[in-house]
Amino acid sequence: MGKPTDLVQGTLDLLILRTISIEPKHGWAIAKRIEQVSKEALQIQQGSLYPALHRLEQQGWIKAEWRPTETGRMAKFYSLSRSGRRQYDKELEAWTRLSAAINLVIQEA
């Protein structure tokens, strides 16, 4: 299997949007959730995660709010905005089409 950094361009955005569509999370929790759900196949480095979060926030797809974590430390919690919910739906549809097309090529007899 490829290195975790070999994600298809734009896939990190989809993973982040999916993760926070369930409930707001801070950066470290987003990375850990992606790692956990992917059975450790995907490990998102801080150097990729935080620029992506900043970009998504600038685009208005996510919003951030400072809140205390479970340990009492203050952290930025990210959640989907209304436009982020629409973007997530678009990203998911595009991913579904792309992965189906790749599967067709791979499974060709």
PDB file of N, CA and C in Angstrom:
ATOM      1  N   MET A   1       0.841  -1.175   0.000  1.00  0.00           N
ATOM      2  CA  MET A   1       0.000   0.000   0.000  1.00  0.00           C
ATOM      3  C   MET A   1       0.884   1.235   0.000  1.00  0.00           C
ATOM      4  N   GLY A   2       0.406   2.311  -0.615  1.00  0.00           N
ATOM      5  CA  GLY A   2       1.182   3.543  -0.713  1.00  0.00           C
ATOM      6  C   GLY A   2       1.367   4.206   0.638  1.00  0.00           C
ATOM      7  N   LYS A   3       2.259   5.159   0.662  1.00  0.00           N
ATOM      8  CA  LYS A   3       2.483   5.926   1.879  1.00  0.00           C
ATOM      9  C   LYS A   3       1.243   6.765   2.166  1.00  0.00           C
ATOM     10  N   PRO A   4       0.985   7.115   3.450  1.00  0.00           N
ATOM     11  CA  PRO A   4      -0.172   7.946   3.773  1.00  0.00           C
ATOM     12  C   PRO A   4      -0.151   9.292   3.053  1.00  0.00           C
ATOM     13  N   THR A   5       1.012   9.771   2.661  1.00  0.00           N
ATOM     14  CA  THR A   5       1.102  11.050   1.963  1.00  0.00           C
ATOM     15  C   THR A   5       0.699  10.916   0.501  1.00  0.00           C
ATOM     16  N   ASP A   6       0.429   9.700   0.048  1.00  0.00           N
ATOM     17  CA  ASP A   6       0.061   9.474  -1.341  1.00  0.00           C
ATOM     18  C   ASP A   6      -1.444   9.640  -1.594  1.00  0.00           C
ATOM     19  N   LEU A   7      -2.126  10.416  -0.761  1.00  0.00           N
ATOM     20  CA  LEU A   7      -3.555  10.626  -0.938  1.00  0.00           C
ATOM     21  C   LEU A   7      -3.819  11.330  -2.261  1.00  0.00           C
ATOM     22  N   VAL A   8      -4.891  10.946  -2.924  1.00  0.00           N
ATOM     23  CA  VAL A   8      -5.310  11.617  -4.142  1.00  0.00           C
ATOM     24  C   VAL A   8      -5.569  13.084  -3.793  1.00  0.00           C
ATOM     25  N   GLN A   9      -5.141  13.987  -4.681  1.00  0.00           N
ATOM     26  CA  GLN A   9      -5.331  15.418  -4.446  1.00  0.00           C
ATOM     27  C   GLN A   9      -6.784  15.715  -4.081  1.00  0.00           C
ATOM     28  N   GLY A  10      -6.996  16.440  -3.001  1.00  0.00           N
ATOM     29  CA  GLY A  10      -8.345  16.796  -2.573  1.00  0.00           C
ATOM     30  C   GLY A  10      -8.977  15.808  -1.618  1.00  0.00           C
ATOM     31  N   THR A  11      -8.388  14.640  -1.475  1.00  0.00           N
ATOM     32  CA  THR A  11      -8.964  13.626  -0.591  1.00  0.00           C
ATOM     33  C   THR A  11      -8.916  14.057   0.867  1.00  0.00           C
ATOM     34  N   LEU A  12      -7.865  14.751   1.266  1.00  0.00           N
ATOM     35  CA  LEU A  12      -7.753  15.205   2.654  1.00  0.00           C
ATOM     36  C   LEU A  12      -8.932  16.111   3.010  1.00  0.00           C
ATOM     37  N   ASP A  13      -9.316  16.994   2.097  1.00  0.00           N
ATOM     38  CA  ASP A  13     -10.470  17.861   2.354  1.00  0.00           C
ATOM     39  C   ASP A  13     -11.714  17.031   2.625  1.00  0.00           C
ATOM     40  N   LEU A  14     -11.942  16.022   1.801  1.00  0.00           N
ATOM     41  CA  LEU A  14     -13.106  15.156   1.980  1.00  0.00           C
ATOM     42  C   LEU A  14     -13.051  14.442   3.329  1.00  0.00           C
ATOM     43  N   LEU A  15     -11.885  13.936   3.694  1.00  0.00           N
ATOM     44  CA  LEU A  15     -11.743  13.232   4.972  1.00  0.00           C
ATOM     45  C   LEU A  15     -12.021  14.162   6.157  1.00  0.00           C
ATOM     46  N   ILE A  16     -11.530  15.380   6.075  1.00  0.00           N
ATOM     47  CA  ILE A  16     -11.766  16.353   7.146  1.00  0.00           C
ATOM     48  C   ILE A  16     -13.251  16.699   7.217  1.00  0.00           C
ATOM     49  N   LEU A  17     -13.835  17.023   6.068  1.00  0.00           N
ATOM     50  CA  LEU A  17     -15.256  17.395   6.051  1.00  0.00           C
ATOM     51  C   LEU A  17     -16.127  16.261   6.589  1.00  0.00           C
ATOM     52  N   ARG A  18     -15.806  15.033   6.208  1.00  0.00           N
ATOM     53  CA  ARG A  18     -16.564  13.876   6.701  1.00  0.00           C
ATOM     54  C   ARG A  18     -16.433  13.741   8.213  1.00  0.00           C
ATOM     55  N   THR A  19     -15.224  13.872   8.694  1.00  0.00           N
ATOM     56  CA  THR A  19     -14.965  13.677  10.122  1.00  0.00           C
ATOM     57  C   THR A  19     -15.707  14.693  10.975  1.00  0.00           C
ATOM     58  N   ILE A  20     -15.720  15.944  10.555  1.00  0.00           N
ATOM     59  CA  ILE A  20     -16.399  16.951  11.378  1.00  0.00           C
ATOM     60  C   ILE A  20     -17.881  17.089  11.034  1.00  0.00           C
ATOM     61  N   SER A  21     -18.351  16.340  10.033  1.00  0.00           N
ATOM     62  CA  SER A  21     -19.792  16.368   9.736  1.00  0.00           C
ATOM     63  C   SER A  21     -20.564  15.639  10.835  1.00  0.00           C
ATOM     64  N   ILE A  22     -19.883  14.773  11.547  1.00  0.00           N
ATOM     65  CA  ILE A  22     -20.514  13.992  12.611  1.00  0.00           C
ATOM     66  C   ILE A  22     -20.636  14.827  13.881  1.00  0.00           C
ATOM     67  N   GLU A  23     -19.524  15.464  14.258  1.00  0.00           N
ATOM     68  CA  GLU A  23     -19.503  16.343  15.419  1.00  0.00           C
ATOM     69  C   GLU A  23     -18.250  17.214  15.356  1.00  0.00           C
ATOM     70  N   PRO A  24     -18.284  18.396  15.973  1.00  0.00           N
ATOM     71  CA  PRO A  24     -17.099  19.258  15.970  1.00  0.00           C
ATOM     72  C   PRO A  24     -15.919  18.562  16.653  1.00  0.00           C
ATOM     73  N   LYS A  25     -14.726  18.792  16.101  1.00  0.00           N
ATOM     74  CA  LYS A  25     -13.504  18.200  16.661  1.00  0.00           C
ATOM     75  C   LYS A  25     -12.360  19.185  16.525  1.00  0.00           C
ATOM     76  N   HIS A  26     -11.387  19.054  17.414  1.00  0.00           N
ATOM     77  CA  HIS A  26     -10.166  19.850  17.270  1.00  0.00           C
ATOM     78  C   HIS A  26      -9.197  19.092  16.364  1.00  0.00           C
ATOM     79  N   GLY A  27      -8.159  19.788  15.909  1.00  0.00           N
ATOM     80  CA  GLY A  27      -7.247  19.234  14.907  1.00  0.00           C
ATOM     81  C   GLY A  27      -6.693  17.862  15.242  1.00  0.00           C
ATOM     82  N   TRP A  28      -6.144  17.713  16.447  1.00  0.00           N
ATOM     83  CA  TRP A  28      -5.548  16.433  16.831  1.00  0.00           C
ATOM     84  C   TRP A  28      -6.601  15.324  16.802  1.00  0.00           C
ATOM     85  N   ALA A  29      -7.824  15.636  17.261  1.00  0.00           N
ATOM     86  CA  ALA A  29      -8.903  14.635  17.279  1.00  0.00           C
ATOM     87  C   ALA A  29      -9.335  14.267  15.852  1.00  0.00           C
ATOM     88  N   ILE A  30      -9.281  15.227  14.932  1.00  0.00           N
ATOM     89  CA  ILE A  30      -9.606  14.935  13.531  1.00  0.00           C
ATOM     90  C   ILE A  30      -8.609  13.925  12.983  1.00  0.00           C
ATOM     91  N   ALA A  31      -7.320  14.205  13.193  1.00  0.00           N
ATOM     92  CA  ALA A  31      -6.269  13.302  12.697  1.00  0.00           C
ATOM     93  C   ALA A  31      -6.405  11.917  13.321  1.00  0.00           C
ATOM     94  N   LYS A  32      -6.639  11.863  14.624  1.00  0.00           N
ATOM     95  CA  LYS A  32      -6.766  10.572  15.313  1.00  0.00           C
ATOM     96  C   LYS A  32      -7.988   9.799  14.828  1.00  0.00           C
ATOM     97  N   ARG A  33      -9.094  10.488  14.576  1.00  0.00           N
ATOM     98  CA  ARG A  33     -10.317   9.815  14.112  1.00  0.00           C
ATOM     99  C   ARG A  33     -10.100   9.212  12.725  1.00  0.00           C
ATOM    100  N   ILE A  34      -9.454   9.957  11.837  1.00  0.00           N
ATOM    101  CA  ILE A  34      -9.171   9.443  10.489  1.00  0.00           C
ATOM    102  C   ILE A  34      -8.272   8.218  10.601  1.00  0.00           C
ATOM    103  N   GLU A  35      -7.273   8.299  11.449  1.00  0.00           N
ATOM    104  CA  GLU A  35      -6.357   7.172  11.659  1.00  0.00           C
ATOM    105  C   GLU A  35      -7.120   5.957  12.202  1.00  0.00           C
ATOM    106  N   GLN A  36      -7.966   6.195  13.187  1.00  0.00           N
ATOM    107  CA  GLN A  36      -8.723   5.113  13.820  1.00  0.00           C
ATOM    108  C   GLN A  36      -9.685   4.448  12.830  1.00  0.00           C
ATOM    109  N   VAL A  37     -10.467   5.240  12.114  1.00  0.00           N
ATOM    110  CA  VAL A  37     -11.469   4.695  11.194  1.00  0.00           C
ATOM    111  C   VAL A  37     -10.802   3.957  10.045  1.00  0.00           C
ATOM    112  N   SER A  38      -9.630   4.443   9.605  1.00  0.00           N
ATOM    113  CA  SER A  38      -8.929   3.796   8.487  1.00  0.00           C
ATOM    114  C   SER A  38      -8.083   2.609   8.944  1.00  0.00           C
ATOM    115  N   LYS A  39      -8.232   2.227  10.202  1.00  0.00           N
ATOM    116  CA  LYS A  39      -7.441   1.121  10.775  1.00  0.00           C
ATOM    117  C   LYS A  39      -5.941   1.396  10.608  1.00  0.00           C
ATOM    118  N   GLU A  40      -5.579   2.674  10.842  1.00  0.00           N
ATOM    119  CA  GLU A  40      -4.190   3.149  10.838  1.00  0.00           C
ATOM    120  C   GLU A  40      -3.545   3.195   9.458  1.00  0.00           C
ATOM    121  N   ALA A  41      -4.339   2.988   8.401  1.00  0.00           N
ATOM    122  CA  ALA A  41      -3.786   3.062   7.045  1.00  0.00           C
ATOM    123  C   ALA A  41      -3.509   4.504   6.644  1.00  0.00           C
ATOM    124  N   LEU A  42      -4.296   5.442   7.197  1.00  0.00           N
ATOM    125  CA  LEU A  42      -4.118   6.860   6.893  1.00  0.00           C
ATOM    126  C   LEU A  42      -3.638   7.581   8.144  1.00  0.00           C
ATOM    127  N   GLN A  43      -2.513   8.225   8.034  1.00  0.00           N
ATOM    128  CA  GLN A  43      -1.977   9.011   9.138  1.00  0.00           C
ATOM    129  C   GLN A  43      -1.729  10.415   8.616  1.00  0.00           C
ATOM    130  N   ILE A  44      -2.506  11.353   9.123  1.00  0.00           N
ATOM    131  CA  ILE A  44      -2.452  12.731   8.653  1.00  0.00           C
ATOM    132  C   ILE A  44      -1.446  13.499   9.511  1.00  0.00           C
ATOM    133  N   GLN A  45      -0.435  14.022   8.870  1.00  0.00           N
ATOM    134  CA  GLN A  45       0.596  14.783   9.569  1.00  0.00           C
ATOM    135  C   GLN A  45       0.116  16.211   9.824  1.00  0.00           C
ATOM    136  N   GLN A  46       0.602  16.818  10.913  1.00  0.00           N
ATOM    137  CA  GLN A  46       0.225  18.191  11.253  1.00  0.00           C
ATOM    138  C   GLN A  46       0.545  19.158  10.127  1.00  0.00           C
ATOM    139  N   GLY A  47       1.654  18.907   9.433  1.00  0.00           N
ATOM    140  CA  GLY A  47       2.071  19.777   8.338  1.00  0.00           C
ATOM    141  C   GLY A  47       1.114  19.760   7.159  1.00  0.00           C
ATOM    142  N   SER A  48       0.261  18.742   7.081  1.00  0.00           N
ATOM    143  CA  SER A  48      -0.778  18.682   6.043  1.00  0.00           C
ATOM    144  C   SER A  48      -2.132  19.105   6.605  1.00  0.00           C
ATOM    145  N   LEU A  49      -2.409  18.673   7.835  1.00  0.00           N
ATOM    146  CA  LEU A  49      -3.723  18.898   8.434  1.00  0.00           C
ATOM    147  C   LEU A  49      -4.014  20.371   8.672  1.00  0.00           C
ATOM    148  N   TYR A  50      -3.122  21.066   9.377  1.00  0.00           N
ATOM    149  CA  TYR A  50      -3.427  22.438   9.774  1.00  0.00           C
ATOM    150  C   TYR A  50      -3.500  23.406   8.598  1.00  0.00           C
ATOM    151  N   PRO A  51      -2.647  23.297   7.573  1.00  0.00           N
ATOM    152  CA  PRO A  51      -2.865  24.143   6.392  1.00  0.00           C
ATOM    153  C   PRO A  51      -4.211  23.843   5.707  1.00  0.00           C
ATOM    154  N   ALA A  52      -4.609  22.567   5.688  1.00  0.00           N
ATOM    155  CA  ALA A  52      -5.898  22.210   5.084  1.00  0.00           C
ATOM    156  C   ALA A  52      -7.049  22.807   5.901  1.00  0.00           C
ATOM    157  N   LEU A  53      -6.970  22.728   7.224  1.00  0.00           N
ATOM    158  CA  LEU A  53      -8.014  23.314   8.070  1.00  0.00           C
ATOM    159  C   LEU A  53      -8.098  24.820   7.848  1.00  0.00           C
ATOM    160  N   HIS A  54      -6.941  25.465   7.776  1.00  0.00           N
ATOM    161  CA  HIS A  54      -6.908  26.910   7.544  1.00  0.00           C
ATOM    162  C   HIS A  54      -7.533  27.254   6.188  1.00  0.00           C
ATOM    163  N   ARG A  55      -7.196  26.499   5.157  1.00  0.00           N
ATOM    164  CA  ARG A  55      -7.736  26.727   3.818  1.00  0.00           C
ATOM    165  C   ARG A  55      -9.255  26.524   3.797  1.00  0.00           C
ATOM    166  N   LEU A  56      -9.724  25.457   4.430  1.00  0.00           N
ATOM    167  CA  LEU A  56     -11.162  25.181   4.467  1.00  0.00           C
ATOM    168  C   LEU A  56     -11.913  26.273   5.228  1.00  0.00           C
ATOM    169  N   GLU A  57     -11.277  26.793   6.280  1.00  0.00           N
ATOM    170  CA  GLU A  57     -11.889  27.884   7.043  1.00  0.00           C
ATOM    171  C   GLU A  57     -11.947  29.157   6.197  1.00  0.00           C
ATOM    172  N   GLN A  58     -10.885  29.450   5.469  1.00  0.00           N
ATOM    173  CA  GLN A  58     -10.864  30.628   4.592  1.00  0.00           C
ATOM    174  C   GLN A  58     -11.922  30.525   3.491  1.00  0.00           C
ATOM    175  N   GLN A  59     -12.167  29.316   3.018  1.00  0.00           N
ATOM    176  CA  GLN A  59     -13.177  29.105   1.976  1.00  0.00           C
ATOM    177  C   GLN A  59     -14.603  29.170   2.540  1.00  0.00           C
ATOM    178  N   GLY A  60     -14.715  29.209   3.856  1.00  0.00           N
ATOM    179  CA  GLY A  60     -16.024  29.290   4.484  1.00  0.00           C
ATOM    180  C   GLY A  60     -16.728  27.958   4.631  1.00  0.00           C
ATOM    181  N   TRP A  61     -16.004  26.859   4.421  1.00  0.00           N
ATOM    182  CA  TRP A  61     -16.615  25.530   4.499  1.00  0.00           C
ATOM    183  C   TRP A  61     -16.632  24.983   5.918  1.00  0.00           C
ATOM    184  N   ILE A  62     -15.727  25.487   6.741  1.00  0.00           N
ATOM    185  CA  ILE A  62     -15.732  25.091   8.149  1.00  0.00           C
ATOM    186  C   ILE A  62     -15.651  26.363   8.993  1.00  0.00           C
ATOM    187  N   LYS A  63     -16.099  26.236  10.229  1.00  0.00           N
ATOM    188  CA  LYS A  63     -15.974  27.338  11.165  1.00  0.00           C
ATOM    189  C   LYS A  63     -15.247  26.818  12.401  1.00  0.00           C
ATOM    190  N   ALA A  64     -14.574  27.719  13.081  1.00  0.00           N
ATOM    191  CA  ALA A  64     -13.769  27.321  14.237  1.00  0.00           C
ATOM    192  C   ALA A  64     -14.207  28.096  15.470  1.00  0.00           C
ATOM    193  N   GLU A  65     -14.101  27.428  16.608  1.00  0.00           N
ATOM    194  CA  GLU A  65     -14.482  28.027  17.883  1.00  0.00           C
ATOM    195  C   GLU A  65     -13.529  27.488  18.957  1.00  0.00           C
ATOM    196  N   TRP A  66     -12.966  28.384  19.749  1.00  0.00           N
ATOM    197  CA  TRP A  66     -12.089  27.967  20.848  1.00  0.00           C
ATOM    198  C   TRP A  66     -12.939  27.420  21.982  1.00  0.00           C
ATOM    199  N   ARG A  67     -12.614  26.189  22.413  1.00  0.00           N
ATOM    200  CA  ARG A  67     -13.323  25.533  23.516  1.00  0.00           C
ATOM    201  C   ARG A  67     -12.333  24.673  24.289  1.00  0.00           C
ATOM    202  N   PRO A  68     -12.667  24.320  25.514  1.00  0.00           N
ATOM    203  CA  PRO A  68     -11.792  23.410  26.264  1.00  0.00           C
ATOM    204  C   PRO A  68     -11.926  21.974  25.758  1.00  0.00           C
ATOM    205  N   THR A  69     -10.804  21.262  25.731  1.00  0.00           N
ATOM    206  CA  THR A  69     -10.811  19.841  25.351  1.00  0.00           C
ATOM    207  C   THR A  69     -11.199  19.015  26.571  1.00  0.00           C
ATOM    208  N   GLU A  70     -11.202  17.695  26.389  1.00  0.00           N
ATOM    209  CA  GLU A  70     -11.509  16.778  27.491  1.00  0.00           C
ATOM    210  C   GLU A  70     -10.526  16.959  28.647  1.00  0.00           C
ATOM    211  N   THR A  71      -9.305  17.386  28.329  1.00  0.00           N
ATOM    212  CA  THR A  71      -8.277  17.568  29.362  1.00  0.00           C
ATOM    213  C   THR A  71      -8.277  18.977  29.954  1.00  0.00           C
ATOM    214  N   GLY A  72      -9.175  19.845  29.471  1.00  0.00           N
ATOM    215  CA  GLY A  72      -9.260  21.201  29.980  1.00  0.00           C
ATOM    216  C   GLY A  72      -8.418  22.209  29.201  1.00  0.00           C
ATOM    217  N   ARG A  73      -7.607  21.724  28.287  1.00  0.00           N
ATOM    218  CA  ARG A  73      -6.774  22.597  27.451  1.00  0.00           C
ATOM    219  C   ARG A  73      -7.660  23.268  26.402  1.00  0.00           C
ATOM    220  N   MET A  74      -7.368  24.520  26.071  1.00  0.00           N
ATOM    221  CA  MET A  74      -8.141  25.221  25.041  1.00  0.00           C
ATOM    222  C   MET A  74      -7.647  24.793  23.654  1.00  0.00           C
ATOM    223  N   ALA A  75      -8.589  24.559  22.752  1.00  0.00           N
ATOM    224  CA  ALA A  75      -8.246  24.165  21.385  1.00  0.00           C
ATOM    225  C   ALA A  75      -9.325  24.692  20.449  1.00  0.00           C
ATOM    226  N   LYS A  76      -8.946  24.833  19.202  1.00  0.00           N
ATOM    227  CA  LYS A  76      -9.894  25.255  18.177  1.00  0.00           C
ATOM    228  C   LYS A  76     -10.691  24.037  17.736  1.00  0.00           C
ATOM    229  N   PHE A  77     -11.999  24.102  17.882  1.00  0.00           N
ATOM    230  CA  PHE A  77     -12.885  23.034  17.432  1.00  0.00           C
ATOM    231  C   PHE A  77     -13.479  23.452  16.097  1.00  0.00           C
ATOM    232  N   TYR A  78     -13.464  22.530  15.150  1.00  0.00           N
ATOM    233  CA  TYR A  78     -13.934  22.807  13.801  1.00  0.00           C
ATOM    234  C   TYR A  78     -15.261  22.111  13.555  1.00  0.00           C
ATOM    235  N   SER A  79     -16.152  22.799  12.873  1.00  0.00           N
ATOM    236  CA  SER A  79     -17.436  22.217  12.486  1.00  0.00           C
ATOM    237  C   SER A  79     -17.774  22.689  11.074  1.00  0.00           C
ATOM    238  N   LEU A  80     -18.695  21.977  10.435  1.00  0.00           N
ATOM    239  CA  LEU A  80     -19.109  22.339   9.076  1.00  0.00           C
ATOM    240  C   LEU A  80     -20.008  23.564   9.107  1.00  0.00           C
ATOM    241  N   SER A  81     -19.809  24.445   8.154  1.00  0.00           N
ATOM    242  CA  SER A  81     -20.752  25.536   7.930  1.00  0.00           C
ATOM    243  C   SER A  81     -21.826  25.013   6.978  1.00  0.00           C
ATOM    244  N   ARG A  82     -22.816  25.817   6.725  1.00  0.00           N
ATOM    245  CA  ARG A  82     -23.869  25.414   5.784  1.00  0.00           C
ATOM    246  C   ARG A  82     -23.275  25.159   4.400  1.00  0.00           C
ATOM    247  N   SER A  83     -22.392  26.073   3.955  1.00  0.00           N
ATOM    248  CA  SER A  83     -21.766  25.868   2.639  1.00  0.00           C
ATOM    249  C   SER A  83     -20.805  24.678   2.681  1.00  0.00           C
ATOM    250  N   GLY A  84     -20.241  24.412   3.847  1.00  0.00           N
ATOM    251  CA  GLY A  84     -19.381  23.238   4.007  1.00  0.00           C
ATOM    252  C   GLY A  84     -20.151  21.943   3.854  1.00  0.00           C
ATOM    253  N   ARG A  85     -21.373  21.920   4.327  1.00  0.00           N
ATOM    254  CA  ARG A  85     -22.231  20.737   4.174  1.00  0.00           C
ATOM    255  C   ARG A  85     -22.496  20.495   2.686  1.00  0.00           C
ATOM    256  N   ARG A  86     -22.774  21.566   1.936  1.00  0.00           N
ATOM    257  CA  ARG A  86     -22.996  21.426   0.491  1.00  0.00           C
ATOM    258  C   ARG A  86     -21.713  20.970  -0.198  1.00  0.00           C
ATOM    259  N   GLN A  87     -20.580  21.543   0.219  1.00  0.00           N
ATOM    260  CA  GLN A  87     -19.302  21.158  -0.382  1.00  0.00           C
ATOM    261  C   GLN A  87     -18.980  19.701  -0.076  1.00  0.00           C
ATOM    262  N   TYR A  88     -19.259  19.262   1.140  1.00  0.00           N
ATOM    263  CA  TYR A  88     -19.038  17.862   1.504  1.00  0.00           C
ATOM    264  C   TYR A  88     -19.836  16.948   0.565  1.00  0.00           C
ATOM    265  N   ASP A  89     -21.096  17.295   0.325  1.00  0.00           N
ATOM    266  CA  ASP A  89     -21.924  16.487  -0.578  1.00  0.00           C
ATOM    267  C   ASP A  89     -21.309  16.438  -1.982  1.00  0.00           C
ATOM    268  N   LYS A  90     -20.812  17.573  -2.472  1.00  0.00           N
ATOM    269  CA  LYS A  90     -20.167  17.624  -3.793  1.00  0.00           C
ATOM    270  C   LYS A  90     -18.897  16.782  -3.812  1.00  0.00           C
ATOM    271  N   GLU A  91     -18.072  16.929  -2.777  1.00  0.00           N
ATOM    272  CA  GLU A  91     -16.811  16.182  -2.700  1.00  0.00           C
ATOM    273  C   GLU A  91     -17.083  14.679  -2.643  1.00  0.00           C
ATOM    274  N   LEU A  92     -18.088  14.288  -1.883  1.00  0.00           N
ATOM    275  CA  LEU A  92     -18.438  12.873  -1.760  1.00  0.00           C
ATOM    276  C   LEU A  92     -18.914  12.316  -3.105  1.00  0.00           C
ATOM    277  N   GLU A  93     -19.721  13.082  -3.805  1.00  0.00           N
ATOM    278  CA  GLU A  93     -20.206  12.649  -5.119  1.00  0.00           C
ATOM    279  C   GLU A  93     -19.035  12.504  -6.099  1.00  0.00           C
ATOM    280  N   ALA A  94     -18.124  13.466  -6.080  1.00  0.00           N
ATOM    281  CA  ALA A  94     -16.962  13.404  -6.974  1.00  0.00           C
ATOM    282  C   ALA A  94     -16.087  12.203  -6.629  1.00  0.00           C
ATOM    283  N   TRP A  95     -15.876  11.956  -5.337  1.00  0.00           N
ATOM    284  CA  TRP A  95     -15.064  10.813  -4.910  1.00  0.00           C
ATOM    285  C   TRP A  95     -15.723   9.498  -5.336  1.00  0.00           C
ATOM    286  N   THR A  96     -17.021   9.413  -5.184  1.00  0.00           N
ATOM    287  CA  THR A  96     -17.748   8.202  -5.561  1.00  0.00           C
ATOM    288  C   THR A  96     -17.581   7.916  -7.050  1.00  0.00           C
ATOM    289  N   ARG A  97     -17.707   8.963  -7.886  1.00  0.00           N
ATOM    290  CA  ARG A  97     -17.512   8.799  -9.332  1.00  0.00           C
ATOM    291  C   ARG A  97     -16.080   8.383  -9.643  1.00  0.00           C
ATOM    292  N   LEU A  98     -15.098   9.063  -9.032  1.00  0.00           N
ATOM    293  CA  LEU A  98     -13.693   8.764  -9.293  1.00  0.00           C
ATOM    294  C   LEU A  98     -13.343   7.344  -8.866  1.00  0.00           C
ATOM    295  N   SER A  99     -13.735   6.953  -7.666  1.00  0.00           N
ATOM    296  CA  SER A  99     -13.382   5.613  -7.189  1.00  0.00           C
ATOM    297  C   SER A  99     -14.077   4.532  -8.015  1.00  0.00           C
ATOM    298  N   ALA A 100     -15.310   4.791  -8.470  1.00  0.00           N
ATOM    299  CA  ALA A 100     -16.003   3.819  -9.332  1.00  0.00           C
ATOM    300  C   ALA A 100     -15.270   3.676 -10.660  1.00  0.00           C
ATOM    301  N   ALA A 101     -14.814   4.796 -11.217  1.00  0.00           N
ATOM    302  CA  ALA A 101     -14.081   4.754 -12.489  1.00  0.00           C
ATOM    303  C   ALA A 101     -12.756   4.013 -12.328  1.00  0.00           C
ATOM    304  N   ILE A 102     -12.052   4.261 -11.241  1.00  0.00           N
ATOM    305  CA  ILE A 102     -10.786   3.557 -10.988  1.00  0.00           C
ATOM    306  C   ILE A 102     -11.043   2.063 -10.843  1.00  0.00           C
ATOM    307  N   ASN A 103     -12.098   1.699 -10.115  1.00  0.00           N
ATOM    308  CA  ASN A 103     -12.440   0.281  -9.962  1.00  0.00           C
ATOM    309  C   ASN A 103     -12.734  -0.373 -11.300  1.00  0.00           C
ATOM    310  N   LEU A 104     -13.408   0.340 -12.197  1.00  0.00           N
ATOM    311  CA  LEU A 104     -13.680  -0.213 -13.529  1.00  0.00           C
ATOM    312  C   LEU A 104     -12.377  -0.553 -14.263  1.00  0.00           C
ATOM    313  N   VAL A 105     -11.427   0.364 -14.194  1.00  0.00           N
ATOM    314  CA  VAL A 105     -10.150   0.146 -14.878  1.00  0.00           C
ATOM    315  C   VAL A 105      -9.389  -1.007 -14.233  1.00  0.00           C
ATOM    316  N   ILE A 106      -9.342  -1.045 -12.935  1.00  0.00           N
ATOM    317  CA  ILE A 106      -8.601  -2.080 -12.207  1.00  0.00           C
ATOM    318  C   ILE A 106      -9.215  -3.460 -12.434  1.00  0.00           C
ATOM    319  N   GLN A 107     -10.536  -3.532 -12.472  1.00  0.00           N
ATOM    320  CA  GLN A 107     -11.217  -4.821 -12.572  1.00  0.00           C
ATOM    321  C   GLN A 107     -11.452  -5.271 -14.010  1.00  0.00           C
ATOM    322  N   GLU A 108     -10.979  -4.476 -14.970  1.00  0.00           N
ATOM    323  CA  GLU A 108     -11.164  -4.834 -16.370  1.00  0.00           C
ATOM    324  C   GLU A 108     -10.506  -6.179 -16.653  1.00  0.00           C
ATOM    325  N   ALA A 109     -11.221  -7.036 -17.349  1.00  0.00           N
ATOM    326  CA  ALA A 109     -10.707  -8.377 -17.642  1.00  0.00           C
ATOM    327  C   ALA A 109      -9.768  -8.376 -18.816  1.00  0.00           C
TER     328      ALA A 109
END
